């Protein structure tokens, strides 16, 4: 499995807009793709705004290529996302998942607020 990681910074005036875009538009699109195995949005307020980090899990590099195209290192950032982000990375990193464990009796899904 491969974890694809990307970072951006949300505009202060658009608090929460990136999350709404991701949950309302991007996540549903990803769910239709072969090889997509899940996604997480992390955020961190740092006094100057909010940093966001998206981690998507894929079954293989071939699955990522089907999503991102042949240059899998380039970020896929839709115009609607660009509109609410102050800045974002043009590149992504890919990491092979070599070990993973969930605590007994827990799931990886977090309830929606």
N, C-alpha and C. Protein backbone atom coordinates (compact mmCIF):
# COMPACT_ATOMS: atom_id res chain seq x y z
N UNK A 1 0.84 -1.18 0.00
CA UNK A 1 0.00 0.00 0.00
C UNK A 1 0.88 1.23 0.00
N UNK A 2 0.36 2.29 -0.57
CA UNK A 2 1.09 3.55 -0.70
C UNK A 2 0.28 4.68 -0.07
N UNK A 3 0.94 5.52 0.72
CA UNK A 3 0.33 6.72 1.27
C UNK A 3 0.83 7.90 0.47
N UNK A 4 -0.09 8.69 -0.05
CA UNK A 4 0.21 9.91 -0.82
C UNK A 4 -0.08 11.09 0.10
N UNK A 5 0.91 11.98 0.29
CA UNK A 5 0.79 13.06 1.28
C UNK A 5 1.01 14.41 0.61
N UNK A 6 0.12 15.34 0.94
CA UNK A 6 0.14 16.68 0.36
C UNK A 6 -0.23 17.69 1.44
N UNK A 7 0.33 18.90 1.35
CA UNK A 7 0.07 19.96 2.34
C UNK A 7 -0.35 21.26 1.67
N UNK A 8 -1.14 22.02 2.40
CA UNK A 8 -1.55 23.35 1.97
C UNK A 8 -1.85 24.21 3.17
N UNK A 9 -2.17 25.47 2.90
CA UNK A 9 -2.54 26.41 3.97
C UNK A 9 -3.82 27.11 3.56
N UNK A 10 -4.82 26.99 4.42
CA UNK A 10 -6.12 27.59 4.16
C UNK A 10 -6.09 29.10 4.41
N UNK A 11 -6.81 29.85 3.58
CA UNK A 11 -6.93 31.28 3.81
C UNK A 11 -7.68 31.51 5.12
N UNK A 12 -7.24 32.49 5.90
CA UNK A 12 -7.90 32.79 7.17
C UNK A 12 -9.38 33.11 6.95
N UNK A 13 -9.68 33.80 5.88
CA UNK A 13 -11.07 34.20 5.60
C UNK A 13 -11.93 33.04 5.13
N UNK A 14 -11.33 31.88 4.91
CA UNK A 14 -12.05 30.72 4.38
C UNK A 14 -12.03 29.53 5.35
N UNK A 15 -12.02 29.81 6.64
CA UNK A 15 -11.91 28.75 7.65
C UNK A 15 -12.95 27.67 7.42
N UNK A 16 -12.49 26.43 7.34
CA UNK A 16 -13.36 25.29 7.16
C UNK A 16 -13.75 24.99 5.73
N UNK A 17 -13.47 25.90 4.81
CA UNK A 17 -13.89 25.73 3.42
C UNK A 17 -13.17 24.57 2.74
N UNK A 18 -11.90 24.36 3.04
CA UNK A 18 -11.19 23.28 2.39
C UNK A 18 -11.76 21.93 2.84
N UNK A 19 -12.05 21.80 4.11
CA UNK A 19 -12.65 20.55 4.60
C UNK A 19 -13.99 20.29 3.91
N UNK A 20 -14.80 21.30 3.80
CA UNK A 20 -16.10 21.13 3.14
C UNK A 20 -15.92 20.70 1.68
N UNK A 21 -14.95 21.31 1.00
CA UNK A 21 -14.67 20.93 -0.38
C UNK A 21 -14.21 19.47 -0.46
N UNK A 22 -13.31 19.10 0.40
CA UNK A 22 -12.77 17.75 0.38
C UNK A 22 -13.87 16.72 0.65
N UNK A 23 -14.64 16.94 1.69
CA UNK A 23 -15.69 15.97 2.05
C UNK A 23 -16.84 15.97 1.05
N UNK A 24 -17.17 17.12 0.50
CA UNK A 24 -18.32 17.21 -0.39
C UNK A 24 -18.03 16.88 -1.83
N UNK A 25 -16.80 17.07 -2.28
CA UNK A 25 -16.48 16.88 -3.69
C UNK A 25 -15.38 15.85 -3.93
N UNK A 26 -14.25 16.02 -3.28
CA UNK A 26 -13.09 15.18 -3.58
C UNK A 26 -13.26 13.76 -3.06
N UNK A 27 -13.62 13.59 -1.79
CA UNK A 27 -13.76 12.24 -1.25
C UNK A 27 -14.73 11.39 -2.06
N UNK A 28 -15.91 11.91 -2.41
CA UNK A 28 -16.82 11.09 -3.23
C UNK A 28 -16.22 10.69 -4.58
N UNK A 29 -15.45 11.57 -5.20
CA UNK A 29 -14.81 11.24 -6.48
C UNK A 29 -13.75 10.15 -6.29
N UNK A 30 -12.98 10.26 -5.22
CA UNK A 30 -11.94 9.27 -4.97
C UNK A 30 -12.53 7.89 -4.71
N UNK A 31 -13.67 7.84 -4.04
CA UNK A 31 -14.30 6.56 -3.71
C UNK A 31 -14.66 5.75 -4.95
N UNK A 32 -14.81 6.40 -6.07
CA UNK A 32 -15.16 5.72 -7.32
C UNK A 32 -13.94 5.17 -8.05
N UNK A 33 -12.74 5.46 -7.58
CA UNK A 33 -11.53 5.05 -8.28
C UNK A 33 -11.02 3.69 -7.80
N UNK A 34 -10.68 2.83 -8.75
CA UNK A 34 -10.08 1.54 -8.42
C UNK A 34 -8.75 1.77 -7.71
N UNK A 35 -8.54 1.05 -6.64
CA UNK A 35 -7.27 1.15 -5.92
C UNK A 35 -7.25 2.19 -4.81
N UNK A 36 -8.29 3.04 -4.73
CA UNK A 36 -8.37 4.02 -3.63
C UNK A 36 -8.80 3.26 -2.38
N UNK A 37 -8.07 3.47 -1.28
CA UNK A 37 -8.32 2.71 -0.06
C UNK A 37 -8.69 3.57 1.14
N UNK A 38 -8.71 4.87 0.99
CA UNK A 38 -9.09 5.73 2.11
C UNK A 38 -8.33 7.04 2.10
N UNK A 39 -8.80 7.97 2.93
CA UNK A 39 -8.17 9.29 3.00
C UNK A 39 -8.38 9.90 4.38
N UNK A 40 -7.47 10.77 4.72
CA UNK A 40 -7.56 11.51 5.97
C UNK A 40 -7.19 12.95 5.71
N UNK A 41 -7.87 13.85 6.40
CA UNK A 41 -7.51 15.26 6.40
C UNK A 41 -7.04 15.60 7.80
N UNK A 42 -5.84 16.10 7.89
CA UNK A 42 -5.31 16.58 9.17
C UNK A 42 -5.21 18.09 9.07
N UNK A 43 -5.41 18.78 10.19
CA UNK A 43 -5.23 20.23 10.18
C UNK A 43 -4.55 20.66 11.47
N UNK A 44 -3.88 21.80 11.36
CA UNK A 44 -3.12 22.34 12.49
C UNK A 44 -3.21 23.84 12.46
N UNK A 45 -3.83 24.41 13.49
CA UNK A 45 -3.85 25.87 13.64
C UNK A 45 -2.54 26.27 14.27
N UNK A 46 -1.90 27.29 13.70
CA UNK A 46 -0.58 27.67 14.20
C UNK A 46 -0.49 29.15 14.55
N UNK A 47 -1.61 29.79 14.74
CA UNK A 47 -1.60 31.21 15.09
C UNK A 47 -1.59 32.12 13.88
N UNK A 48 -1.17 31.60 12.74
CA UNK A 48 -1.15 32.39 11.51
C UNK A 48 -2.15 31.86 10.50
N UNK A 49 -2.91 30.87 10.90
CA UNK A 49 -3.88 30.26 10.01
C UNK A 49 -3.93 28.77 10.25
N UNK A 50 -4.39 28.05 9.23
CA UNK A 50 -4.55 26.61 9.38
C UNK A 50 -3.82 25.87 8.26
N UNK A 51 -2.92 24.99 8.66
CA UNK A 51 -2.24 24.12 7.72
C UNK A 51 -3.11 22.87 7.57
N UNK A 52 -3.24 22.39 6.34
CA UNK A 52 -3.96 21.15 6.09
C UNK A 52 -3.01 20.14 5.47
N UNK A 53 -3.21 18.88 5.82
CA UNK A 53 -2.44 17.81 5.22
C UNK A 53 -3.43 16.71 4.83
N UNK A 54 -3.36 16.31 3.56
CA UNK A 54 -4.22 15.26 3.06
C UNK A 54 -3.36 14.02 2.83
N UNK A 55 -3.82 12.91 3.39
CA UNK A 55 -3.13 11.64 3.21
C UNK A 55 -4.12 10.67 2.58
N UNK A 56 -3.81 10.23 1.37
CA UNK A 56 -4.65 9.26 0.70
C UNK A 56 -3.91 7.94 0.61
N UNK A 57 -4.66 6.86 0.76
CA UNK A 57 -4.09 5.52 0.76
C UNK A 57 -4.51 4.81 -0.53
N UNK A 58 -3.51 4.21 -1.17
CA UNK A 58 -3.73 3.57 -2.48
C UNK A 58 -3.16 2.16 -2.46
N UNK A 59 -3.75 1.30 -3.28
CA UNK A 59 -3.29 -0.09 -3.35
C UNK A 59 -1.96 -0.22 -4.08
N UNK A 60 -1.68 0.72 -5.01
CA UNK A 60 -0.46 0.60 -5.82
C UNK A 60 -0.12 1.91 -6.50
N UNK A 61 1.07 1.99 -7.05
CA UNK A 61 1.48 3.14 -7.85
C UNK A 61 0.60 3.25 -9.10
N UNK A 62 0.25 2.12 -9.68
CA UNK A 62 -0.62 2.14 -10.87
C UNK A 62 -1.97 2.79 -10.56
N UNK A 63 -2.51 2.56 -9.37
CA UNK A 63 -3.77 3.20 -8.97
C UNK A 63 -3.58 4.70 -8.84
N UNK A 64 -2.43 5.12 -8.30
CA UNK A 64 -2.14 6.55 -8.18
C UNK A 64 -2.01 7.18 -9.56
N UNK A 65 -1.34 6.49 -10.49
CA UNK A 65 -1.21 7.00 -11.87
C UNK A 65 -2.58 7.20 -12.52
N UNK A 66 -3.52 6.30 -12.25
CA UNK A 66 -4.87 6.44 -12.82
C UNK A 66 -5.55 7.70 -12.29
N UNK A 67 -5.23 8.10 -11.07
CA UNK A 67 -5.78 9.32 -10.47
C UNK A 67 -5.02 10.56 -10.90
N UNK A 68 -3.70 10.52 -10.77
CA UNK A 68 -2.87 11.73 -10.91
C UNK A 68 -2.24 11.91 -12.28
N UNK A 69 -2.23 10.87 -13.09
CA UNK A 69 -1.54 10.94 -14.37
C UNK A 69 -0.14 10.39 -14.24
N UNK A 70 0.63 10.46 -15.33
CA UNK A 70 1.96 9.83 -15.34
C UNK A 70 2.97 10.49 -14.40
N UNK A 71 2.82 11.78 -14.11
CA UNK A 71 3.72 12.45 -13.18
C UNK A 71 3.09 12.43 -11.79
N UNK A 72 3.23 11.29 -11.10
CA UNK A 72 2.54 11.12 -9.82
C UNK A 72 3.06 12.04 -8.72
N UNK A 73 4.19 12.67 -8.94
CA UNK A 73 4.75 13.60 -7.97
C UNK A 73 4.09 14.98 -7.98
N UNK A 74 3.31 15.26 -9.00
CA UNK A 74 2.61 16.56 -9.10
C UNK A 74 1.31 16.51 -8.32
N UNK A 75 1.03 17.56 -7.59
CA UNK A 75 -0.22 17.65 -6.82
C UNK A 75 -1.41 17.85 -7.76
N UNK A 76 -2.53 17.27 -7.39
CA UNK A 76 -3.79 17.47 -8.09
C UNK A 76 -4.61 18.40 -7.21
N UNK A 77 -4.72 19.67 -7.62
CA UNK A 77 -5.42 20.68 -6.81
C UNK A 77 -6.47 21.33 -7.70
N UNK A 78 -7.72 21.04 -7.43
CA UNK A 78 -8.82 21.55 -8.24
C UNK A 78 -8.98 23.06 -8.05
N UNK A 79 -9.56 23.75 -9.03
CA UNK A 79 -9.79 25.20 -8.90
C UNK A 79 -10.57 25.58 -7.64
N UNK A 80 -11.55 24.79 -7.25
CA UNK A 80 -12.32 25.11 -6.04
C UNK A 80 -11.44 25.06 -4.80
N UNK A 81 -10.47 24.17 -4.78
CA UNK A 81 -9.53 24.12 -3.66
C UNK A 81 -8.57 25.30 -3.70
N UNK A 82 -8.08 25.61 -4.87
CA UNK A 82 -7.17 26.74 -5.02
C UNK A 82 -7.81 28.04 -4.52
N UNK A 83 -9.11 28.16 -4.70
CA UNK A 83 -9.83 29.38 -4.31
C UNK A 83 -9.84 29.60 -2.80
N UNK A 84 -9.71 28.53 -2.01
CA UNK A 84 -9.78 28.68 -0.55
C UNK A 84 -8.42 28.49 0.13
N UNK A 85 -7.41 28.20 -0.67
CA UNK A 85 -6.08 28.00 -0.11
C UNK A 85 -5.19 29.23 -0.33
N UNK A 86 -4.47 29.58 0.70
CA UNK A 86 -3.50 30.68 0.61
C UNK A 86 -2.25 30.21 -0.12
N UNK A 87 -1.85 28.97 0.15
CA UNK A 87 -0.68 28.37 -0.50
C UNK A 87 -0.83 26.86 -0.43
N UNK A 88 -0.07 26.18 -1.29
CA UNK A 88 -0.09 24.72 -1.27
C UNK A 88 1.14 24.19 -1.98
N UNK A 89 1.49 22.97 -1.64
CA UNK A 89 2.62 22.31 -2.28
C UNK A 89 2.23 21.90 -3.69
N UNK A 90 3.13 22.11 -4.63
CA UNK A 90 2.93 21.65 -6.01
C UNK A 90 3.29 20.19 -6.18
N UNK A 91 3.97 19.66 -5.19
CA UNK A 91 4.39 18.27 -5.26
C UNK A 91 3.79 17.50 -4.08
N UNK A 92 3.76 16.18 -4.23
CA UNK A 92 3.32 15.29 -3.16
C UNK A 92 4.44 14.31 -2.88
N UNK A 93 4.36 13.65 -1.75
CA UNK A 93 5.30 12.58 -1.45
C UNK A 93 4.53 11.27 -1.36
N UNK A 94 5.21 10.19 -1.65
CA UNK A 94 4.62 8.87 -1.58
C UNK A 94 5.46 8.01 -0.65
N UNK A 95 4.78 7.28 0.21
CA UNK A 95 5.46 6.47 1.21
C UNK A 95 4.83 5.08 1.22
N UNK A 96 5.65 4.06 1.18
CA UNK A 96 5.14 2.70 1.28
C UNK A 96 4.76 2.42 2.73
N UNK A 97 3.58 1.91 2.94
CA UNK A 97 3.13 1.53 4.28
C UNK A 97 3.70 0.15 4.57
N UNK A 98 4.57 0.06 5.54
CA UNK A 98 5.24 -1.20 5.82
C UNK A 98 4.78 -1.84 7.13
N UNK A 99 4.11 -1.08 7.99
CA UNK A 99 3.57 -1.62 9.23
C UNK A 99 2.41 -0.74 9.66
N UNK A 100 1.41 -1.36 10.23
CA UNK A 100 0.23 -0.60 10.65
C UNK A 100 -0.53 -1.43 11.68
N UNK A 101 -1.11 -0.77 12.67
CA UNK A 101 -1.91 -1.48 13.65
C UNK A 101 -2.94 -0.51 14.23
N UNK A 102 -4.15 -0.98 14.36
CA UNK A 102 -5.21 -0.22 15.05
C UNK A 102 -5.35 -0.81 16.45
N UNK A 103 -5.71 0.01 17.40
CA UNK A 103 -5.93 -0.47 18.76
C UNK A 103 -7.13 -1.42 18.75
N UNK A 104 -7.11 -2.46 19.56
CA UNK A 104 -8.23 -3.40 19.60
C UNK A 104 -9.56 -2.68 19.89
N UNK A 105 -10.57 -3.05 19.13
CA UNK A 105 -11.90 -2.48 19.34
C UNK A 105 -12.12 -1.11 18.76
N UNK A 106 -11.16 -0.61 17.96
CA UNK A 106 -11.32 0.70 17.34
C UNK A 106 -11.39 0.55 15.84
N UNK A 107 -11.87 1.60 15.21
CA UNK A 107 -11.84 1.65 13.74
C UNK A 107 -11.06 2.87 13.35
N UNK A 108 -10.63 2.90 12.08
CA UNK A 108 -9.86 4.05 11.61
C UNK A 108 -10.77 5.20 11.20
N UNK A 109 -12.06 4.95 11.07
CA UNK A 109 -12.98 6.02 10.65
C UNK A 109 -13.35 6.90 11.83
N UNK A 110 -13.33 8.17 11.60
CA UNK A 110 -13.68 9.15 12.63
C UNK A 110 -15.09 9.65 12.34
N UNK A 111 -15.94 9.76 13.35
CA UNK A 111 -17.29 10.26 13.10
C UNK A 111 -17.27 11.68 12.56
N UNK A 112 -18.20 11.99 11.68
CA UNK A 112 -18.31 13.34 11.12
C UNK A 112 -18.89 14.26 12.16
N UNK A 113 -18.38 15.48 12.20
CA UNK A 113 -18.91 16.49 13.13
C UNK A 113 -20.14 17.12 12.58
